[in-house]
Amino acid sequence: MPSTRKPVIGVISCTRTVEGEDAYIVKTRYVDALAKHADAVPLICPAITTRDDADAMLARLNAILLTGSNSNIEPHHYGAASGRAPYDPGRDTMSALLNKAAVAAGKPVFGICRGLQEINVALGGTLVDQRDGAEPPELPHHAPDDASLEQMFGHSHPIDVVADTPLAAITGEPKLTVNSVHFQTIGTLGAGLVVNARAKDGVVEAVSSVQGPAKILAVQWHPEWRPETRSHDLAFWQALGEITRDDAM
């Protein structure tokens, strides 16, 4: 008899100061989308600084979601000489440890925006800084540096879905319109990953693990912003729940 217990999906947090004290911050859009559309129980992960902490956290979870952030991954993590601030070293450490622990435990890893980049770096891939404005040039579908958050996420662009990939099966569409703000993008692909979608300029917009059903699924855009009005964003969250439930059986 199949279990009716909802899967527990951990959500990576960022440490910020609230009312003068340290706080673990997760945007409510992620938590709400997991609860409402993935039919999962979101669990906010506290700061993790050791592999033992990461293994202990994964033992309590059925999957992990690495969310977006307004910080970049420090360049030394992917072998680059320089990059562009702002950075979040604590988040870099935490995401790397959670990635390794999840892979070792054979549990699904999901990523959004920075989360996709973190997965790629954890698997040996590299990144390209797309906010440099010099080399490589600013991509044409990116919002300008001085844009507000609302303006950034209102800056939509088309992407092409690769046939016969998990994203193609999930969305059932060969082309999607998405909203993504690229601070960094994939340079070389991490081991065991396959491209699921690209923007018109070649930027990787989605990846999954090579073997199916996908244990890794990550997108460069922000499906938490419009799941009620964009069917492919809703399908992303529903797929997270289904993949996690199937894996836990």
C-alpha atoms as a PDB file:
ATOM      1  CA  MET A   1       0.000   0.000   0.000  1.00  0.00           C
ATOM      2  CA  PRO A   2       1.572   3.339  -1.020  1.00  0.00           C
ATOM      3  CA  SER A   3       2.512   5.730   1.766  1.00  0.00           C
ATOM      4  CA  THR A   4       0.382   8.853   2.259  1.00  0.00           C
ATOM      5  CA  ARG A   5       3.096  10.544   4.264  1.00  0.00           C
ATOM      6  CA  LYS A   6       4.277  13.797   2.684  1.00  0.00           C
ATOM      7  CA  PRO A   7       7.970  13.935   1.767  1.00  0.00           C
ATOM      8  CA  VAL A   8      10.226  16.323   3.675  1.00  0.00           C
ATOM      9  CA  ILE A   9      12.264  18.601   1.416  1.00  0.00           C
ATOM     10  CA  GLY A  10      15.018  20.652   3.010  1.00  0.00           C
ATOM     11  CA  VAL A  11      15.416  24.258   1.858  1.00  0.00           C
ATOM     12  CA  ILE A  12      18.841  25.865   2.077  1.00  0.00           C
ATOM     13  CA  SER A  13      18.900  29.082   4.077  1.00  0.00           C
ATOM     14  CA  CYS A  14      20.984  32.238   4.066  1.00  0.00           C
ATOM     15  CA  THR A  15      22.145  33.907   7.274  1.00  0.00           C
ATOM     16  CA  ARG A  16      21.104  37.535   7.597  1.00  0.00           C
ATOM     17  CA  THR A  17      20.651  40.030  10.447  1.00  0.00           C
ATOM     18  CA  VAL A  18      17.093  40.697  11.595  1.00  0.00           C
ATOM     19  CA  GLU A  19      16.452  43.139  14.465  1.00  0.00           C
ATOM     20  CA  GLY A  20      20.125  42.973  15.373  1.00  0.00           C
ATOM     21  CA  GLU A  21      20.291  39.178  15.547  1.00  0.00           C
ATOM     22  CA  ASP A  22      21.370  36.446  13.142  1.00  0.00           C
ATOM     23  CA  ALA A  23      18.470  34.814  11.316  1.00  0.00           C
ATOM     24  CA  TYR A  24      18.038  32.007   8.825  1.00  0.00           C
ATOM     25  CA  ILE A  25      16.308  33.499   5.817  1.00  0.00           C
ATOM     26  CA  VAL A  26      14.254  31.622   3.213  1.00  0.00           C
ATOM     27  CA  LYS A  27      11.872  33.478   0.918  1.00  0.00           C
ATOM     28  CA  THR A  28       8.264  32.506   1.522  1.00  0.00           C
ATOM     29  CA  ARG A  29       7.691  31.847  -2.200  1.00  0.00           C
ATOM     30  CA  TYR A  30       9.912  28.740  -1.996  1.00  0.00           C
ATOM     31  CA  VAL A  31       8.295  27.429   1.165  1.00  0.00           C
ATOM     32  CA  ASP A  32       4.774  28.073  -0.120  1.00  0.00           C
ATOM     33  CA  ALA A  33       5.457  26.453  -3.509  1.00  0.00           C
ATOM     34  CA  LEU A  34       6.827  23.298  -1.885  1.00  0.00           C
ATOM     35  CA  ALA A  35       3.867  23.022   0.477  1.00  0.00           C
ATOM     36  CA  LYS A  36       1.148  23.939  -1.993  1.00  0.00           C
ATOM     37  CA  HIS A  37       2.358  22.643  -5.362  1.00  0.00           C
ATOM     38  CA  ALA A  38       4.852  19.885  -4.486  1.00  0.00           C
ATOM     39  CA  ASP A  39       2.625  18.624  -1.645  1.00  0.00           C
ATOM     40  CA  ALA A  40       5.731  18.366   0.530  1.00  0.00           C
ATOM     41  CA  VAL A  41       6.784  19.463   3.988  1.00  0.00           C
ATOM     42  CA  PRO A  42       9.442  22.197   3.696  1.00  0.00           C
ATOM     43  CA  LEU A  43      12.179  22.120   6.332  1.00  0.00           C
ATOM     44  CA  ILE A  44      14.470  25.132   6.626  1.00  0.00           C
ATOM     45  CA  CYS A  45      18.057  23.938   7.012  1.00  0.00           C
ATOM     46  CA  PRO A  46      20.168  25.686   9.668  1.00  0.00           C
ATOM     47  CA  ALA A  47      23.782  26.645   9.014  1.00  0.00           C
ATOM     48  CA  ILE A  48      25.947  23.656   8.122  1.00  0.00           C
ATOM     49  CA  THR A  49      29.729  23.811   8.401  1.00  0.00           C
ATOM     50  CA  THR A  50      30.826  20.163   8.501  1.00  0.00           C
ATOM     51  CA  ARG A  51      30.159  17.013   6.510  1.00  0.00           C
ATOM     52  CA  ASP A  52      28.847  15.319   9.658  1.00  0.00           C
ATOM     53  CA  ASP A  53      26.257  18.098  10.007  1.00  0.00           C
ATOM     54  CA  ALA A  54      25.269  17.667   6.359  1.00  0.00           C
ATOM     55  CA  ASP A  55      24.936  13.884   6.681  1.00  0.00           C
ATOM     56  CA  ALA A  56      22.813  14.290   9.814  1.00  0.00           C
ATOM     57  CA  MET A  57      20.552  16.780   8.041  1.00  0.00           C
ATOM     58  CA  LEU A  58      20.118  14.540   4.973  1.00  0.00           C
ATOM     59  CA  ALA A  59      19.141  11.666   7.242  1.00  0.00           C
ATOM     60  CA  ARG A  60      16.060  13.710   8.182  1.00  0.00           C
ATOM     61  CA  LEU A  61      15.184  14.682   4.618  1.00  0.00           C
ATOM     62  CA  ASN A  62      13.831  13.023   1.504  1.00  0.00           C
ATOM     63  CA  ALA A  63      15.373  15.668  -0.794  1.00  0.00           C
ATOM     64  CA  ILE A  64      17.100  19.050  -0.758  1.00  0.00           C
ATOM     65  CA  LEU A  65      16.248  22.290  -2.602  1.00  0.00           C
ATOM     66  CA  LEU A  66      19.026  24.802  -3.268  1.00  0.00           C
ATOM     67  CA  THR A  67      17.315  28.142  -3.854  1.00  0.00           C
ATOM     68  CA  GLY A  68      18.266  31.378  -5.551  1.00  0.00           C
ATOM     69  CA  SER A  69      20.221  34.158  -3.875  1.00  0.00           C
ATOM     70  CA  ASN A  70      21.551  37.603  -4.741  1.00  0.00           C
ATOM     71  CA  SER A  71      25.130  36.471  -4.035  1.00  0.00           C
ATOM     72  CA  ASN A  72      27.678  34.883  -6.364  1.00  0.00           C
ATOM     73  CA  ILE A  73      29.764  31.757  -5.787  1.00  0.00           C
ATOM     74  CA  GLU A  74      33.367  32.622  -4.996  1.00  0.00           C
ATOM     75  CA  PRO A  75      35.554  31.951  -8.057  1.00  0.00           C
ATOM     76  CA  HIS A  76      38.111  29.742  -6.302  1.00  0.00           C
ATOM     77  CA  HIS A  77      35.417  27.058  -5.957  1.00  0.00           C
ATOM     78  CA  TYR A  78      35.404  26.529  -9.726  1.00  0.00           C
ATOM     79  CA  GLY A  79      39.029  27.315 -10.543  1.00  0.00           C
ATOM     80  CA  ALA A  80      38.646  30.913 -11.728  1.00  0.00           C
ATOM     81  CA  ALA A  81      41.114  33.668 -10.901  1.00  0.00           C
ATOM     82  CA  SER A  82      38.528  36.383 -10.347  1.00  0.00           C
ATOM     83  CA  GLY A  83      34.811  36.990 -10.093  1.00  0.00           C
ATOM     84  CA  ARG A  84      32.364  39.607  -8.963  1.00  0.00           C
ATOM     85  CA  ALA A  85      30.921  40.316  -5.515  1.00  0.00           C
ATOM     86  CA  PRO A  86      28.710  40.062  -3.543  1.00  0.00           C
ATOM     87  CA  TYR A  87      29.760  36.688  -2.183  1.00  0.00           C
ATOM     88  CA  ASP A  88      28.360  34.508   0.595  1.00  0.00           C
ATOM     89  CA  PRO A  89      31.108  32.123   1.820  1.00  0.00           C
ATOM     90  CA  GLY A  90      28.792  30.493   4.364  1.00  0.00           C
ATOM     91  CA  ARG A  91      26.270  29.634   1.677  1.00  0.00           C
ATOM     92  CA  ASP A  92      29.066  28.302  -0.569  1.00  0.00           C
ATOM     93  CA  THR A  93      30.223  25.943   2.181  1.00  0.00           C
ATOM     94  CA  MET A  94      26.718  24.857   3.100  1.00  0.00           C
ATOM     95  CA  SER A  95      25.612  24.101  -0.450  1.00  0.00           C
ATOM     96  CA  ALA A  96      28.777  22.148  -1.240  1.00  0.00           C
ATOM     97  CA  LEU A  97      28.367  19.987   1.867  1.00  0.00           C
ATOM     98  CA  LEU A  98      24.653  19.371   1.249  1.00  0.00           C
ATOM     99  CA  ASN A  99      25.348  18.441  -2.373  1.00  0.00           C
ATOM    100  CA  LYS A 100      27.987  15.896  -1.383  1.00  0.00           C
ATOM    101  CA  ALA A 101      25.834  14.445   1.388  1.00  0.00           C
ATOM    102  CA  ALA A 102      22.782  14.139  -0.881  1.00  0.00           C
ATOM    103  CA  VAL A 103      24.747  12.429  -3.650  1.00  0.00           C
ATOM    104  CA  ALA A 104      26.306  10.029  -1.132  1.00  0.00           C
ATOM    105  CA  ALA A 105      22.857   9.256   0.304  1.00  0.00           C
ATOM    106  CA  GLY A 106      21.319   8.879  -3.159  1.00  0.00           C
ATOM    107  CA  LYS A 107      18.662  11.511  -2.443  1.00  0.00           C
ATOM    108  CA  PRO A 108      17.229  13.991  -4.964  1.00  0.00           C
ATOM    109  CA  VAL A 109      18.815  17.423  -5.309  1.00  0.00           C
ATOM    110  CA  PHE A 110      16.848  20.307  -6.814  1.00  0.00           C
ATOM    111  CA  GLY A 111      18.155  23.732  -7.733  1.00  0.00           C
ATOM    112  CA  ILE A 112      16.841  27.152  -8.696  1.00  0.00           C
ATOM    113  CA  CYS A 113      19.057  29.924 -10.097  1.00  0.00           C
ATOM    114  CA  ARG A 114      22.102  29.957  -7.769  1.00  0.00           C
ATOM    115  CA  GLY A 115      21.123  26.432  -6.780  1.00  0.00           C
ATOM    116  CA  LEU A 116      21.706  25.239 -10.357  1.00  0.00           C
ATOM    117  CA  GLN A 117      25.140  26.861 -10.290  1.00  0.00           C
ATOM    118  CA  GLU A 118      25.959  25.279  -6.921  1.00  0.00           C
ATOM    119  CA  ILE A 119      25.059  21.815  -8.224  1.00  0.00           C
ATOM    120  CA  ASN A 120      27.209  22.332 -11.294  1.00  0.00           C
ATOM    121  CA  VAL A 121      30.224  23.484  -9.261  1.00  0.00           C
ATOM    122  CA  ALA A 122      29.819  20.628  -6.753  1.00  0.00           C
ATOM    123  CA  LEU A 123      30.077  18.186  -9.663  1.00  0.00           C
ATOM    124  CA  GLY A 124      33.254  19.760 -11.036  1.00  0.00           C
ATOM    125  CA  GLY A 125      31.739  22.241 -13.490  1.00  0.00           C
ATOM    126  CA  THR A 126      32.681  25.882 -13.982  1.00  0.00           C
ATOM    127  CA  LEU A 127      30.807  29.176 -14.126  1.00  0.00           C
ATOM    128  CA  VAL A 128      30.952  32.337 -16.207  1.00  0.00           C
ATOM    129  CA  ASP A 129      30.353  35.760 -14.648  1.00  0.00           C
ATOM    130  CA  GLN A 130      27.627  37.396 -16.718  1.00  0.00           C
ATOM    131  CA  ARG A 131      27.555  40.681 -14.808  1.00  0.00           C
ATOM    132  CA  ASP A 132      31.034  41.763 -15.835  1.00  0.00           C
ATOM    133  CA  GLY A 133      29.886  43.729 -18.870  1.00  0.00           C
ATOM    134  CA  ALA A 134      33.272  43.238 -20.523  1.00  0.00           C
ATOM    135  CA  GLU A 135      34.258  39.614 -21.056  1.00  0.00           C
ATOM    136  CA  PRO A 136      31.876  38.013 -21.873  1.00  0.00           C
ATOM    137  CA  PRO A 137      29.459  40.848 -22.739  1.00  0.00           C
ATOM    138  CA  GLU A 138      26.220  41.389 -20.885  1.00  0.00           C
ATOM    139  CA  LEU A 139      23.628  39.032 -22.303  1.00  0.00           C
ATOM    140  CA  PRO A 140      20.799  40.732 -24.199  1.00  0.00           C
ATOM    141  CA  HIS A 141      17.988  39.213 -22.138  1.00  0.00           C
ATOM    142  CA  HIS A 142      19.457  40.260 -18.799  1.00  0.00           C
ATOM    143  CA  ALA A 143      18.034  43.046 -16.718  1.00  0.00           C
ATOM    144  CA  PRO A 144      20.498  45.918 -16.117  1.00  0.00           C
ATOM    145  CA  ASP A 145      22.487  46.139 -12.884  1.00  0.00           C
ATOM    146  CA  ASP A 146      20.371  48.996 -11.528  1.00  0.00           C
ATOM    147  CA  ALA A 147      17.029  47.247 -12.108  1.00  0.00           C
ATOM    148  CA  SER A 148      14.740  46.656  -9.151  1.00  0.00           C
ATOM    149  CA  LEU A 149      13.803  43.104  -8.166  1.00  0.00           C
ATOM    150  CA  GLU A 150      10.352  43.495  -9.681  1.00  0.00           C
ATOM    151  CA  GLN A 151      11.887  44.786 -12.925  1.00  0.00           C
ATOM    152  CA  MET A 152      14.327  41.882 -13.002  1.00  0.00           C
ATOM    153  CA  PHE A 153      11.647  39.246 -12.678  1.00  0.00           C
ATOM    154  CA  GLY A 154       9.482  41.058 -15.183  1.00  0.00           C
ATOM    155  CA  HIS A 155      12.276  40.645 -17.730  1.00  0.00           C
ATOM    156  CA  SER A 156      11.139  37.473 -19.509  1.00  0.00           C
ATOM    157  CA  HIS A 157      12.817  35.655 -22.388  1.00  0.00           C
ATOM    158  CA  PRO A 158      12.306  32.444 -24.403  1.00  0.00           C
ATOM    159  CA  ILE A 159      14.224  29.191 -23.955  1.00  0.00           C
ATOM    160  CA  ASP A 160      14.383  25.975 -25.969  1.00  0.00           C
ATOM    161  CA  VAL A 161      13.738  22.679 -24.171  1.00  0.00           C
ATOM    162  CA  VAL A 162      15.928  19.743 -25.234  1.00  0.00           C
ATOM    163  CA  ALA A 163      13.854  16.805 -26.467  1.00  0.00           C
ATOM    164  CA  ASP A 164      13.795  13.541 -24.509  1.00  0.00           C
ATOM    165  CA  THR A 165      14.960  15.132 -21.243  1.00  0.00           C
ATOM    166  CA  PRO A 166      13.203  15.198 -17.870  1.00  0.00           C
ATOM    167  CA  LEU A 167      12.221  18.847 -18.385  1.00  0.00           C
ATOM    168  CA  ALA A 168      10.636  17.983 -21.739  1.00  0.00           C
ATOM    169  CA  ALA A 169       8.640  15.210 -20.079  1.00  0.00           C
ATOM    170  CA  ILE A 170       7.629  17.460 -17.187  1.00  0.00           C
ATOM    171  CA  THR A 171       6.485  20.462 -19.231  1.00  0.00           C
ATOM    172  CA  GLY A 172       5.418  18.817 -22.491  1.00  0.00           C
ATOM    173  CA  GLU A 173       6.541  21.955 -24.317  1.00  0.00           C
ATOM    174  CA  PRO A 174       9.469  22.532 -26.727  1.00  0.00           C
ATOM    175  CA  LYS A 175       9.728  26.240 -25.862  1.00  0.00           C
ATOM    176  CA  LEU A 176       9.116  28.108 -22.612  1.00  0.00           C
ATOM    177  CA  THR A 177       8.983  31.731 -21.541  1.00  0.00           C
ATOM    178  CA  VAL A 178      10.865  32.219 -18.285  1.00  0.00           C
ATOM    179  CA  ASN A 179      12.099  34.957 -15.995  1.00  0.00           C
ATOM    180  CA  SER A 180      15.707  34.641 -14.935  1.00  0.00           C
ATOM    181  CA  VAL A 181      18.392  37.073 -13.874  1.00  0.00           C
ATOM    182  CA  HIS A 182      21.818  35.612 -14.527  1.00  0.00           C
ATOM    183  CA  PHE A 183      24.616  36.780 -12.252  1.00  0.00           C
ATOM    184  CA  GLN A 184      26.594  33.642 -13.101  1.00  0.00           C
ATOM    185  CA  THR A 185      25.892  30.888 -15.617  1.00  0.00           C
ATOM    186  CA  ILE A 186      27.300  27.468 -16.438  1.00  0.00           C
ATOM    187  CA  GLY A 187      30.607  27.426 -18.273  1.00  0.00           C
ATOM    188  CA  THR A 188      31.593  23.762 -18.437  1.00  0.00           C
ATOM    189  CA  LEU A 189      29.024  21.189 -17.378  1.00  0.00           C
ATOM    190  CA  GLY A 190      29.533  19.197 -14.168  1.00  0.00           C
ATOM    191  CA  ALA A 191      30.062  15.437 -14.290  1.00  0.00           C
ATOM    192  CA  GLY A 192      26.888  13.415 -14.710  1.00  0.00           C
ATOM    193  CA  LEU A 193      24.741  16.370 -15.793  1.00  0.00           C
ATOM    194  CA  VAL A 194      22.876  16.830 -19.080  1.00  0.00           C
ATOM    195  CA  VAL A 195      21.462  20.060 -20.498  1.00  0.00           C
ATOM    196  CA  ASN A 196      17.656  20.195 -20.494  1.00  0.00           C
ATOM    197  CA  ALA A 197      17.160  23.725 -21.872  1.00  0.00           C
ATOM    198  CA  ARG A 198      19.090  26.653 -23.336  1.00  0.00           C
ATOM    199  CA  ALA A 199      18.375  30.315 -23.931  1.00  0.00           C
ATOM    200  CA  LYS A 200      18.692  31.740 -27.434  1.00  0.00           C
ATOM    201  CA  ASP A 201      22.245  32.891 -26.684  1.00  0.00           C
ATOM    202  CA  GLY A 202      23.314  29.408 -25.557  1.00  0.00           C
ATOM    203  CA  VAL A 203      23.104  29.920 -21.791  1.00  0.00           C
ATOM    204  CA  VAL A 204      22.177  26.685 -20.003  1.00  0.00           C
ATOM    205  CA  GLU A 205      18.761  27.181 -18.421  1.00  0.00           C
ATOM    206  CA  ALA A 206      18.108  23.706 -16.979  1.00  0.00           C
ATOM    207  CA  VAL A 207      20.032  20.524 -16.161  1.00  0.00           C
ATOM    208  CA  SER A 208      19.312  17.064 -14.810  1.00  0.00           C
ATOM    209  CA  SER A 209      21.307  13.983 -13.949  1.00  0.00           C
ATOM    210  CA  VAL A 210      22.142  11.718 -16.889  1.00  0.00           C
ATOM    211  CA  GLN A 211      20.373   8.676 -15.503  1.00  0.00           C
ATOM    212  CA  GLY A 212      16.565   8.754 -15.144  1.00  0.00           C
ATOM    213  CA  PRO A 213      14.388   9.102 -13.275  1.00  0.00           C
ATOM    214  CA  ALA A 214      16.174  12.351 -12.431  1.00  0.00           C
ATOM    215  CA  LYS A 215      17.868  12.498  -9.063  1.00  0.00           C
ATOM    216  CA  ILE A 216      19.044  16.009  -9.984  1.00  0.00           C
ATOM    217  CA  LEU A 217      16.809  18.643 -11.557  1.00  0.00           C
ATOM    218  CA  ALA A 218      17.734  22.315 -11.611  1.00  0.00           C
ATOM    219  CA  VAL A 219      16.635  25.411 -13.509  1.00  0.00           C
ATOM    220  CA  GLN A 220      18.215  28.827 -13.984  1.00  0.00           C
ATOM    221  CA  TRP A 221      14.914  30.715 -13.829  1.00  0.00           C
ATOM    222  CA  HIS A 222      12.529  31.321 -10.928  1.00  0.00           C
ATOM    223  CA  PRO A 223       9.470  29.021 -11.054  1.00  0.00           C
ATOM    224  CA  GLU A 224       8.407  30.161  -7.592  1.00  0.00           C
ATOM    225  CA  TRP A 225       7.240  33.519  -8.983  1.00  0.00           C
ATOM    226  CA  ARG A 226       4.437  32.431 -11.328  1.00  0.00           C
ATOM    227  CA  PRO A 227       3.245  28.843 -10.704  1.00  0.00           C
ATOM    228  CA  GLU A 228      -0.398  29.947 -10.717  1.00  0.00           C
ATOM    229  CA  THR A 229      -0.180  31.509 -14.196  1.00  0.00           C
ATOM    230  CA  ARG A 230       2.542  29.524 -15.981  1.00  0.00           C
ATOM    231  CA  SER A 231       1.849  25.847 -16.456  1.00  0.00           C
ATOM    232  CA  HIS A 232       5.525  24.914 -16.799  1.00  0.00           C
ATOM    233  CA  ASP A 233       6.369  26.584 -13.488  1.00  0.00           C
ATOM    234  CA  LEU A 234       3.562  24.686 -11.774  1.00  0.00           C
ATOM    235  CA  ALA A 235       4.745  21.474 -13.466  1.00  0.00           C
ATOM    236  CA  PHE A 236       8.248  22.022 -12.046  1.00  0.00           C
ATOM    237  CA  TRP A 237       6.962  22.061  -8.470  1.00  0.00           C
ATOM    238  CA  GLN A 238       4.670  19.110  -9.033  1.00  0.00           C
ATOM    239  CA  ALA A 239       7.605  17.167 -10.488  1.00  0.00           C
ATOM    240  CA  LEU A 240       9.723  17.904  -7.397  1.00  0.00           C
ATOM    241  CA  GLY A 241       7.060  16.305  -5.239  1.00  0.00           C
ATOM    242  CA  GLU A 242       6.612  13.308  -7.538  1.00  0.00           C
ATOM    243  CA  ILE A 243      10.350  12.642  -7.891  1.00  0.00           C
ATOM    244  CA  THR A 244      10.822  12.850  -4.137  1.00  0.00           C
ATOM    245  CA  ARG A 245       7.867  10.587  -3.356  1.00  0.00           C
ATOM    246  CA  ASP A 246       8.951   8.006  -5.947  1.00  0.00           C
ATOM    247  CA  ASP A 247      12.507   8.028  -4.599  1.00  0.00           C
ATOM    248  CA  ALA A 248      11.330   7.558  -1.016  1.00  0.00           C
ATOM    249  CA  MET A 249       9.178   4.508  -1.801  1.00  0.00           C
END
